[in-house]
């Protein structure tokens, strides 16, 4: 079985409070993006699960990869081992980008195993299992426009925001510099505060994109992250020179995206390669079916 784990972006990311457990509560609108990895799952040839990774270098041993953590979490949920499975992961989505590539791989692995073995688990059950692997993982089980609260694992469908984005017909451009800031550093640099005005989902549903920033659709990580990593700040400035209707960093970085009205994705992709040498770049319709 072959599946295609995709990336996501955050439209707005407000850090609302530091929790007693040391984690942070957020308010965000999470949107799937058609930048894909490739994951194949087949019955195992040996007596144990295996993971083979090609493509981009992943700086962790197979047993620490989120795909294998997801398999172990599924076995814990079932209370029994799964039959041996071999996983073949082709990494295409950049890591350290704030786009959830590793989380997507884990969630798509859960869904693929569920289908391959006929486990019959519901999406809600798979999302619960995925939440044990990482905060972004449950989102990729549903893989549609969703409002995220709590630590990011409390998800509510946002059909009004999704309908608004579809009507706009936006094209997304992404540039991911090589430099970055760790998630721990990013959270250390923010001061949690309840946002004034509308939350991200209602902003996207009711306000034109060129008014999103003024309405409060901002990423609270940007000031501290860009203060530490000037390369990300330079990438955002260069993206803004292309005149998007909205531009922001996603997650805790380091990828920066711009949204464009009725643009040609192929033409935009060629433009990105010339404007952002040394960056990983991508362009496509925002809500690609």
C-alpha atoms as a PDB file:
ATOM      1  CA  UNK A   1       0.000   0.000   0.000  1.00  0.00           C
ATOM      2  CA  UNK A   2       1.338   3.424  -0.982  1.00  0.00           C
ATOM      3  CA  UNK A   3       0.201   6.707   0.611  1.00  0.00           C
ATOM      4  CA  UNK A   4       1.343  10.293   0.199  1.00  0.00           C
ATOM      5  CA  UNK A   5       1.760  12.167   3.513  1.00  0.00           C
ATOM      6  CA  UNK A   6       1.351  15.900   2.944  1.00  0.00           C
ATOM      7  CA  UNK A   7       2.537  19.034   4.707  1.00  0.00           C
ATOM      8  CA  UNK A   8       0.486  21.718   6.463  1.00  0.00           C
ATOM      9  CA  UNK A   9       0.675  25.416   7.155  1.00  0.00           C
ATOM     10  CA  UNK A  10      -0.616  27.459  10.070  1.00  0.00           C
ATOM     11  CA  UNK A  11      -2.781  30.439   9.221  1.00  0.00           C
ATOM     12  CA  UNK A  12      -2.213  32.398  12.406  1.00  0.00           C
ATOM     13  CA  UNK A  13      -0.565  30.894  15.463  1.00  0.00           C
ATOM     14  CA  UNK A  14      -1.284  32.558  18.787  1.00  0.00           C
ATOM     15  CA  UNK A  15       0.413  31.295  21.977  1.00  0.00           C
ATOM     16  CA  UNK A  16      -2.264  31.900  24.599  1.00  0.00           C
ATOM     17  CA  UNK A  17      -0.785  30.483  27.820  1.00  0.00           C
ATOM     18  CA  UNK A  18       1.897  28.297  29.359  1.00  0.00           C
ATOM     19  CA  UNK A  19       0.284  25.291  30.961  1.00  0.00           C
ATOM     20  CA  UNK A  20       1.180  23.810  34.354  1.00  0.00           C
ATOM     21  CA  UNK A  21       2.584  20.748  32.540  1.00  0.00           C
ATOM     22  CA  UNK A  22       5.121  22.966  30.724  1.00  0.00           C
ATOM     23  CA  UNK A  23       3.381  22.821  27.334  1.00  0.00           C
ATOM     24  CA  UNK A  24       1.625  25.780  25.718  1.00  0.00           C
ATOM     25  CA  UNK A  25      -1.944  26.352  24.557  1.00  0.00           C
ATOM     26  CA  UNK A  26      -2.358  27.742  21.061  1.00  0.00           C
ATOM     27  CA  UNK A  27      -5.008  29.097  18.687  1.00  0.00           C
ATOM     28  CA  UNK A  28      -4.380  28.354  15.012  1.00  0.00           C
ATOM     29  CA  UNK A  29      -5.997  27.405  11.715  1.00  0.00           C
ATOM     30  CA  UNK A  30      -4.255  24.404  10.172  1.00  0.00           C
ATOM     31  CA  UNK A  31      -4.433  23.914   6.407  1.00  0.00           C
ATOM     32  CA  UNK A  32      -3.200  20.906   4.392  1.00  0.00           C
ATOM     33  CA  UNK A  33      -0.708  21.621   1.613  1.00  0.00           C
ATOM     34  CA  UNK A  34       0.116  19.364  -1.359  1.00  0.00           C
ATOM     35  CA  UNK A  35       3.862  18.991  -0.656  1.00  0.00           C
ATOM     36  CA  UNK A  36       4.119  15.217  -0.215  1.00  0.00           C
ATOM     37  CA  UNK A  37       6.350  12.462   1.085  1.00  0.00           C
ATOM     38  CA  UNK A  38       5.825   8.913  -0.210  1.00  0.00           C
ATOM     39  CA  UNK A  39       5.232   6.008   2.187  1.00  0.00           C
ATOM     40  CA  UNK A  40       4.825   2.362   1.227  1.00  0.00           C
ATOM     41  CA  UNK A  41       3.697  -0.267   3.753  1.00  0.00           C
ATOM     42  CA  UNK A  42       3.927  -3.981   2.930  1.00  0.00           C
ATOM     43  CA  UNK A  43       3.796  -7.243   4.898  1.00  0.00           C
ATOM     44  CA  UNK A  44       7.173  -7.788   6.553  1.00  0.00           C
ATOM     45  CA  UNK A  45       9.771 -10.161   5.188  1.00  0.00           C
ATOM     46  CA  UNK A  46      11.246 -10.804   8.618  1.00  0.00           C
ATOM     47  CA  UNK A  47      10.083 -11.192  12.188  1.00  0.00           C
ATOM     48  CA  UNK A  48      10.065  -7.477  13.131  1.00  0.00           C
ATOM     49  CA  UNK A  49       8.924  -4.139  11.723  1.00  0.00           C
ATOM     50  CA  UNK A  50      11.473  -2.315   9.559  1.00  0.00           C
ATOM     51  CA  UNK A  51      11.745   1.236   8.210  1.00  0.00           C
ATOM     52  CA  UNK A  52      13.860   2.224   5.225  1.00  0.00           C
ATOM     53  CA  UNK A  53      14.224   5.967   4.579  1.00  0.00           C
ATOM     54  CA  UNK A  54      15.449   7.504   1.315  1.00  0.00           C
ATOM     55  CA  UNK A  55      15.443  11.009  -0.101  1.00  0.00           C
ATOM     56  CA  UNK A  56      16.190  13.781   2.367  1.00  0.00           C
ATOM     57  CA  UNK A  57      18.484  12.880   5.224  1.00  0.00           C
ATOM     58  CA  UNK A  58      16.592  12.254   8.464  1.00  0.00           C
ATOM     59  CA  UNK A  59      18.762  12.858  11.512  1.00  0.00           C
ATOM     60  CA  UNK A  60      17.499  10.001  13.674  1.00  0.00           C
ATOM     61  CA  UNK A  61      17.769   6.219  13.710  1.00  0.00           C
ATOM     62  CA  UNK A  62      14.795   4.268  12.291  1.00  0.00           C
ATOM     63  CA  UNK A  63      13.584   3.180  15.719  1.00  0.00           C
ATOM     64  CA  UNK A  64      13.251   6.854  16.760  1.00  0.00           C
ATOM     65  CA  UNK A  65      11.383   7.882  13.609  1.00  0.00           C
ATOM     66  CA  UNK A  66       7.786   8.989  14.203  1.00  0.00           C
ATOM     67  CA  UNK A  67       6.562   6.264  11.838  1.00  0.00           C
ATOM     68  CA  UNK A  68       7.901   3.583  14.163  1.00  0.00           C
ATOM     69  CA  UNK A  69       6.653   5.466  17.223  1.00  0.00           C
ATOM     70  CA  UNK A  70       3.203   5.490  15.629  1.00  0.00           C
ATOM     71  CA  UNK A  71       3.326   1.725  15.075  1.00  0.00           C
ATOM     72  CA  UNK A  72       4.277   1.165  18.712  1.00  0.00           C
ATOM     73  CA  UNK A  73       1.483   3.498  19.860  1.00  0.00           C
ATOM     74  CA  UNK A  74      -0.999   1.530  17.744  1.00  0.00           C
ATOM     75  CA  UNK A  75       0.187  -1.743  19.256  1.00  0.00           C
ATOM     76  CA  UNK A  76      -0.191  -0.259  22.747  1.00  0.00           C
ATOM     77  CA  UNK A  77      -3.755   0.766  21.876  1.00  0.00           C
ATOM     78  CA  UNK A  78      -4.592  -2.680  20.524  1.00  0.00           C
ATOM     79  CA  UNK A  79      -2.885  -4.438  23.409  1.00  0.00           C
ATOM     80  CA  UNK A  80      -1.233  -6.846  20.998  1.00  0.00           C
ATOM     81  CA  UNK A  81       1.620  -6.813  18.490  1.00  0.00           C
ATOM     82  CA  UNK A  82       0.920  -6.263  14.808  1.00  0.00           C
ATOM     83  CA  UNK A  83       2.197  -8.731  12.238  1.00  0.00           C
ATOM     84  CA  UNK A  84       5.632  -7.668  10.924  1.00  0.00           C
ATOM     85  CA  UNK A  85       5.467  -4.748   8.502  1.00  0.00           C
ATOM     86  CA  UNK A  86       8.088  -3.139   6.272  1.00  0.00           C
ATOM     87  CA  UNK A  87       7.872   0.632   5.761  1.00  0.00           C
ATOM     88  CA  UNK A  88       9.595   2.455   2.895  1.00  0.00           C
ATOM     89  CA  UNK A  89       9.620   6.233   3.346  1.00  0.00           C
ATOM     90  CA  UNK A  90      10.758   8.653   0.649  1.00  0.00           C
ATOM     91  CA  UNK A  91      11.355  12.007   2.365  1.00  0.00           C
ATOM     92  CA  UNK A  92      10.539  15.036   0.217  1.00  0.00           C
ATOM     93  CA  UNK A  93       9.038  17.546   2.683  1.00  0.00           C
ATOM     94  CA  UNK A  94      11.867  19.464   4.408  1.00  0.00           C
ATOM     95  CA  UNK A  95      12.244  18.878   8.131  1.00  0.00           C
ATOM     96  CA  UNK A  96      12.637  21.692  10.643  1.00  0.00           C
ATOM     97  CA  UNK A  97      10.177  23.674   8.542  1.00  0.00           C
ATOM     98  CA  UNK A  98       7.089  23.991  10.763  1.00  0.00           C
ATOM     99  CA  UNK A  99       5.106  22.029   8.163  1.00  0.00           C
ATOM    100  CA  UNK A 100       4.620  18.798  10.110  1.00  0.00           C
ATOM    101  CA  UNK A 101       6.291  16.433   7.648  1.00  0.00           C
ATOM    102  CA  UNK A 102       7.304  13.884  10.271  1.00  0.00           C
ATOM    103  CA  UNK A 103       3.905  14.081  11.944  1.00  0.00           C
ATOM    104  CA  UNK A 104       2.210  13.484   8.595  1.00  0.00           C
ATOM    105  CA  UNK A 105       4.360  10.405   7.996  1.00  0.00           C
ATOM    106  CA  UNK A 106       3.312   8.993  11.371  1.00  0.00           C
ATOM    107  CA  UNK A 107      -0.387   9.625  10.848  1.00  0.00           C
ATOM    108  CA  UNK A 108      -0.431   8.291   7.308  1.00  0.00           C
ATOM    109  CA  UNK A 109       1.377   5.195   8.563  1.00  0.00           C
ATOM    110  CA  UNK A 110      -1.436   4.636  11.078  1.00  0.00           C
ATOM    111  CA  UNK A 111      -4.093   5.018   8.391  1.00  0.00           C
ATOM    112  CA  UNK A 112      -2.231   2.745   5.970  1.00  0.00           C
ATOM    113  CA  UNK A 113      -1.769   0.018   8.587  1.00  0.00           C
ATOM    114  CA  UNK A 114      -5.433   0.316   9.548  1.00  0.00           C
ATOM    115  CA  UNK A 115      -6.460  -0.235   5.911  1.00  0.00           C
ATOM    116  CA  UNK A 116      -3.848  -2.856   5.070  1.00  0.00           C
ATOM    117  CA  UNK A 117      -4.683  -5.044   8.046  1.00  0.00           C
ATOM    118  CA  UNK A 118      -8.416  -4.342   8.068  1.00  0.00           C
ATOM    119  CA  UNK A 119      -8.373  -3.145  11.676  1.00  0.00           C
ATOM    120  CA  UNK A 120     -11.549  -1.104  11.222  1.00  0.00           C
ATOM    121  CA  UNK A 121     -10.475   1.736  13.526  1.00  0.00           C
ATOM    122  CA  UNK A 122     -12.357   5.025  13.155  1.00  0.00           C
ATOM    123  CA  UNK A 123     -10.689   8.337  12.352  1.00  0.00           C
ATOM    124  CA  UNK A 124     -11.355   9.534  15.898  1.00  0.00           C
ATOM    125  CA  UNK A 125      -9.662   6.446  17.329  1.00  0.00           C
ATOM    126  CA  UNK A 126      -6.671   6.863  15.003  1.00  0.00           C
ATOM    127  CA  UNK A 127      -6.450  10.546  15.990  1.00  0.00           C
ATOM    128  CA  UNK A 128      -6.388   9.534  19.645  1.00  0.00           C
ATOM    129  CA  UNK A 129      -3.541   7.113  18.953  1.00  0.00           C
ATOM    130  CA  UNK A 130      -1.761   9.762  16.874  1.00  0.00           C
ATOM    131  CA  UNK A 131      -1.949  12.269  19.736  1.00  0.00           C
ATOM    132  CA  UNK A 132       0.435  10.026  21.699  1.00  0.00           C
ATOM    133  CA  UNK A 133       3.052  10.472  18.962  1.00  0.00           C
ATOM    134  CA  UNK A 134       3.068  14.242  18.467  1.00  0.00           C
ATOM    135  CA  UNK A 135       0.930  17.366  18.772  1.00  0.00           C
ATOM    136  CA  UNK A 136       0.472  17.826  15.005  1.00  0.00           C
ATOM    137  CA  UNK A 137      -0.272  14.170  14.291  1.00  0.00           C
ATOM    138  CA  UNK A 138      -4.063  14.121  14.881  1.00  0.00           C
ATOM    139  CA  UNK A 139      -4.542  16.887  12.307  1.00  0.00           C
ATOM    140  CA  UNK A 140      -3.202  14.688   9.530  1.00  0.00           C
ATOM    141  CA  UNK A 141      -5.713  11.936  10.321  1.00  0.00           C
ATOM    142  CA  UNK A 142      -8.530  14.328   9.326  1.00  0.00           C
ATOM    143  CA  UNK A 143      -6.382  16.304   6.851  1.00  0.00           C
ATOM    144  CA  UNK A 144      -8.758  19.177   6.240  1.00  0.00           C
ATOM    145  CA  UNK A 145      -8.937  22.813   7.309  1.00  0.00           C
ATOM    146  CA  UNK A 146      -9.291  22.744  11.091  1.00  0.00           C
ATOM    147  CA  UNK A 147      -9.114  25.099  14.047  1.00  0.00           C
ATOM    148  CA  UNK A 148      -6.507  23.858  16.526  1.00  0.00           C
ATOM    149  CA  UNK A 149      -6.578  24.717  20.224  1.00  0.00           C
ATOM    150  CA  UNK A 150      -5.060  23.342  23.414  1.00  0.00           C
ATOM    151  CA  UNK A 151      -1.586  22.017  22.626  1.00  0.00           C
ATOM    152  CA  UNK A 152      -2.709  21.691  19.003  1.00  0.00           C
ATOM    153  CA  UNK A 153      -4.435  18.329  19.454  1.00  0.00           C
ATOM    154  CA  UNK A 154      -7.932  19.748  20.081  1.00  0.00           C
ATOM    155  CA  UNK A 155      -9.304  20.041  16.557  1.00  0.00           C
ATOM    156  CA  UNK A 156     -12.586  21.404  15.241  1.00  0.00           C
ATOM    157  CA  UNK A 157     -13.531  21.392  11.561  1.00  0.00           C
ATOM    158  CA  UNK A 158     -13.691  24.911  10.123  1.00  0.00           C
ATOM    159  CA  UNK A 159     -15.965  24.586   7.071  1.00  0.00           C
ATOM    160  CA  UNK A 160     -16.624  28.329   6.780  1.00  0.00           C
ATOM    161  CA  UNK A 161     -12.897  29.058   6.628  1.00  0.00           C
ATOM    162  CA  UNK A 162     -12.352  26.194   4.160  1.00  0.00           C
ATOM    163  CA  UNK A 163     -15.192  27.449   1.946  1.00  0.00           C
ATOM    164  CA  UNK A 164     -13.705  30.954   1.991  1.00  0.00           C
ATOM    165  CA  UNK A 165     -10.276  29.630   0.968  1.00  0.00           C
ATOM    166  CA  UNK A 166     -11.809  27.599  -1.869  1.00  0.00           C
ATOM    167  CA  UNK A 167     -13.700  30.622  -3.177  1.00  0.00           C
ATOM    168  CA  UNK A 168     -10.484  32.656  -3.168  1.00  0.00           C
ATOM    169  CA  UNK A 169      -8.655  30.047  -5.278  1.00  0.00           C
ATOM    170  CA  UNK A 170      -5.276  30.982  -3.810  1.00  0.00           C
ATOM    171  CA  UNK A 171      -1.887  29.639  -4.852  1.00  0.00           C
ATOM    172  CA  UNK A 172       0.701  28.988  -2.138  1.00  0.00           C
ATOM    173  CA  UNK A 173       4.433  29.562  -2.461  1.00  0.00           C
ATOM    174  CA  UNK A 174       6.794  28.195   0.209  1.00  0.00           C
ATOM    175  CA  UNK A 175      10.487  28.902   0.763  1.00  0.00           C
ATOM    176  CA  UNK A 176      12.338  26.993   3.462  1.00  0.00           C
ATOM    177  CA  UNK A 177      15.857  28.255   4.295  1.00  0.00           C
ATOM    178  CA  UNK A 178      18.525  25.880   5.535  1.00  0.00           C
ATOM    179  CA  UNK A 179      18.894  27.733   8.839  1.00  0.00           C
ATOM    180  CA  UNK A 180      16.354  27.401  11.604  1.00  0.00           C
ATOM    181  CA  UNK A 181      15.535  27.673  15.284  1.00  0.00           C
ATOM    182  CA  UNK A 182      14.554  24.706  17.446  1.00  0.00           C
ATOM    183  CA  UNK A 183      10.990  24.455  18.703  1.00  0.00           C
ATOM    184  CA  UNK A 184      12.271  24.712  22.278  1.00  0.00           C
ATOM    185  CA  UNK A 185      14.085  27.966  21.454  1.00  0.00           C
ATOM    186  CA  UNK A 186      11.027  29.287  19.637  1.00  0.00           C
ATOM    187  CA  UNK A 187       8.730  28.729  22.621  1.00  0.00           C
ATOM    188  CA  UNK A 188      11.321  30.201  24.992  1.00  0.00           C
ATOM    189  CA  UNK A 189      11.133  33.486  23.095  1.00  0.00           C
ATOM    190  CA  UNK A 190       7.356  34.066  23.211  1.00  0.00           C
ATOM    191  CA  UNK A 191       5.227  35.695  25.898  1.00  0.00           C
ATOM    192  CA  UNK A 192       1.809  33.991  25.987  1.00  0.00           C
ATOM    193  CA  UNK A 193      -1.186  36.316  25.772  1.00  0.00           C
ATOM    194  CA  UNK A 194      -4.850  35.962  24.928  1.00  0.00           C
ATOM    195  CA  UNK A 195      -5.462  37.449  21.452  1.00  0.00           C
ATOM    196  CA  UNK A 196      -7.655  40.503  20.999  1.00  0.00           C
ATOM    197  CA  UNK A 197     -10.492  40.304  18.488  1.00  0.00           C
ATOM    198  CA  UNK A 198     -11.317  37.330  16.303  1.00  0.00           C
ATOM    199  CA  UNK A 199      -9.617  33.940  16.354  1.00  0.00           C
ATOM    200  CA  UNK A 200      -7.864  32.613  13.216  1.00  0.00           C
ATOM    201  CA  UNK A 201     -10.793  30.596  11.785  1.00  0.00           C
ATOM    202  CA  UNK A 202     -13.334  33.452  11.859  1.00  0.00           C
ATOM    203  CA  UNK A 203     -10.747  35.872  10.458  1.00  0.00           C
ATOM    204  CA  UNK A 204     -10.149  33.649   7.442  1.00  0.00           C
ATOM    205  CA  UNK A 205     -13.888  33.021   7.035  1.00  0.00           C
ATOM    206  CA  UNK A 206     -14.974  36.677   7.159  1.00  0.00           C
ATOM    207  CA  UNK A 207     -12.055  38.978   6.276  1.00  0.00           C
ATOM    208  CA  UNK A 208     -10.346  39.483   2.894  1.00  0.00           C
ATOM    209  CA  UNK A 209      -6.741  38.163   2.887  1.00  0.00           C
ATOM    210  CA  UNK A 210      -5.159  41.613   2.589  1.00  0.00           C
ATOM    211  CA  UNK A 211      -6.835  42.451   5.911  1.00  0.00           C
ATOM    212  CA  UNK A 212      -5.888  39.282   7.787  1.00  0.00           C
ATOM    213  CA  UNK A 213      -2.801  40.712   9.496  1.00  0.00           C
ATOM    214  CA  UNK A 214      -4.616  43.830  10.673  1.00  0.00           C
ATOM    215  CA  UNK A 215      -7.426  41.619  12.005  1.00  0.00           C
ATOM    216  CA  UNK A 216      -4.912  39.680  14.126  1.00  0.00           C
ATOM    217  CA  UNK A 217      -3.917  36.723  11.941  1.00  0.00           C
ATOM    218  CA  UNK A 218      -0.287  36.608  13.032  1.00  0.00           C
ATOM    219  CA  UNK A 219       2.280  34.019  14.085  1.00  0.00           C
ATOM    220  CA  UNK A 220       3.463  34.806  17.607  1.00  0.00           C
ATOM    221  CA  UNK A 221       6.734  32.970  16.967  1.00  0.00           C
ATOM    222  CA  UNK A 222       7.878  35.355  14.241  1.00  0.00           C
ATOM    223  CA  UNK A 223       9.422  38.189  16.320  1.00  0.00           C
ATOM    224  CA  UNK A 224      11.637  35.956  18.457  1.00  0.00           C
ATOM    225  CA  UNK A 225      12.468  33.395  15.756  1.00  0.00           C
ATOM    226  CA  UNK A 226      13.360  36.010  13.155  1.00  0.00           C
ATOM    227  CA  UNK A 227      15.305  37.924  15.785  1.00  0.00           C
ATOM    228  CA  UNK A 228      17.469  34.850  16.325  1.00  0.00           C
ATOM    229  CA  UNK A 229      17.607  33.699  12.685  1.00  0.00           C
ATOM    230  CA  UNK A 230      18.010  36.617  10.297  1.00  0.00           C
ATOM    231  CA  UNK A 231      17.939  34.291   7.290  1.00  0.00           C
ATOM    232  CA  UNK A 232      14.255  33.564   7.956  1.00  0.00           C
ATOM    233  CA  UNK A 233      13.577  37.292   8.212  1.00  0.00           C
ATOM    234  CA  UNK A 234      15.328  37.856   4.880  1.00  0.00           C
ATOM    235  CA  UNK A 235      13.278  35.088   3.249  1.00  0.00           C
ATOM    236  CA  UNK A 236      10.042  36.659   4.491  1.00  0.00           C
ATOM    237  CA  UNK A 237      11.107  40.086   3.212  1.00  0.00           C
ATOM    238  CA  UNK A 238      11.896  38.578  -0.192  1.00  0.00           C
ATOM    239  CA  UNK A 239       8.553  36.745  -0.268  1.00  0.00           C
ATOM    240  CA  UNK A 240       6.736  39.992   0.510  1.00  0.00           C
ATOM    241  CA  UNK A 241       8.489  41.607  -2.481  1.00  0.00           C
ATOM    242  CA  UNK A 242       6.526  39.176  -4.699  1.00  0.00           C
ATOM    243  CA  UNK A 243       3.298  40.912  -3.534  1.00  0.00           C
ATOM    244  CA  UNK A 244       1.337  38.067  -1.945  1.00  0.00           C
ATOM    245  CA  UNK A 245      -2.052  38.822  -0.410  1.00  0.00           C
ATOM    246  CA  UNK A 246      -0.732  37.271   2.812  1.00  0.00           C
ATOM    247  CA  UNK A 247       2.691  36.153   3.987  1.00  0.00           C
ATOM    248  CA  UNK A 248       3.840  34.499   7.212  1.00  0.00           C
ATOM    249  CA  UNK A 249       6.099  31.925   8.781  1.00  0.00           C
ATOM    250  CA  UNK A 250       4.398  28.599   9.494  1.00  0.00           C
ATOM    251  CA  UNK A 251       4.590  26.845  12.851  1.00  0.00           C
ATOM    252  CA  UNK A 252       7.796  27.617  14.699  1.00  0.00           C
ATOM    253  CA  UNK A 253       9.612  27.937  11.347  1.00  0.00           C
ATOM    254  CA  UNK A 254      11.692  27.984   9.363  1.00  0.00           C
ATOM    255  CA  UNK A 255       9.443  27.824   6.253  1.00  0.00           C
ATOM    256  CA  UNK A 256       7.826  31.041   5.030  1.00  0.00           C
ATOM    257  CA  UNK A 257       4.778  31.001   2.775  1.00  0.00           C
ATOM    258  CA  UNK A 258       3.029  33.528   0.592  1.00  0.00           C
ATOM    259  CA  UNK A 259      -0.534  33.287  -0.730  1.00  0.00           C
ATOM    260  CA  UNK A 260      -1.251  34.643  -4.190  1.00  0.00           C
ATOM    261  CA  UNK A 261      -4.509  35.290  -6.035  1.00  0.00           C
ATOM    262  CA  UNK A 262      -5.050  33.399  -9.283  1.00  0.00           C
ATOM    263  CA  UNK A 263      -1.366  32.837  -9.941  1.00  0.00           C
ATOM    264  CA  UNK A 264       0.184  30.201 -12.191  1.00  0.00           C
ATOM    265  CA  UNK A 265       1.829  27.605  -9.920  1.00  0.00           C
ATOM    266  CA  UNK A 266       4.415  26.501 -12.505  1.00  0.00           C
ATOM    267  CA  UNK A 267       5.437  30.087 -13.236  1.00  0.00           C
ATOM    268  CA  UNK A 268       5.562  30.869  -9.529  1.00  0.00           C
ATOM    269  CA  UNK A 269       7.681  27.782  -8.855  1.00  0.00           C
ATOM    270  CA  UNK A 270      10.262  28.913 -11.425  1.00  0.00           C
ATOM    271  CA  UNK A 271      10.251  32.382  -9.853  1.00  0.00           C
ATOM    272  CA  UNK A 272      10.880  30.944  -6.390  1.00  0.00           C
ATOM    273  CA  UNK A 273      13.953  29.045  -7.570  1.00  0.00           C
ATOM    274  CA  UNK A 274      15.521  32.278  -8.823  1.00  0.00           C
ATOM    275  CA  UNK A 275      14.482  34.447  -5.860  1.00  0.00           C
ATOM    276  CA  UNK A 276      15.429  31.936  -3.143  1.00  0.00           C
ATOM    277  CA  UNK A 277      18.692  30.205  -4.103  1.00  0.00           C
ATOM    278  CA  UNK A 278      19.717  27.741  -1.420  1.00  0.00           C
ATOM    279  CA  UNK A 279      16.137  27.354  -0.157  1.00  0.00           C
ATOM    280  CA  UNK A 280      13.767  24.450  -0.625  1.00  0.00           C
ATOM    281  CA  UNK A 281      10.812  25.835  -2.569  1.00  0.00           C
ATOM    282  CA  UNK A 282       7.333  24.706  -3.537  1.00  0.00           C
ATOM    283  CA  UNK A 283       4.284  26.185  -5.274  1.00  0.00           C
ATOM    284  CA  UNK A 284       0.811  24.743  -5.879  1.00  0.00           C
ATOM    285  CA  UNK A 285      -2.895  25.575  -5.504  1.00  0.00           C
ATOM    286  CA  UNK A 286      -3.516  26.039  -1.780  1.00  0.00           C
ATOM    287  CA  UNK A 287      -6.357  23.544  -1.422  1.00  0.00           C
ATOM    288  CA  UNK A 288      -5.338  20.949  -3.979  1.00  0.00           C
ATOM    289  CA  UNK A 289      -7.802  18.045  -4.207  1.00  0.00           C
END
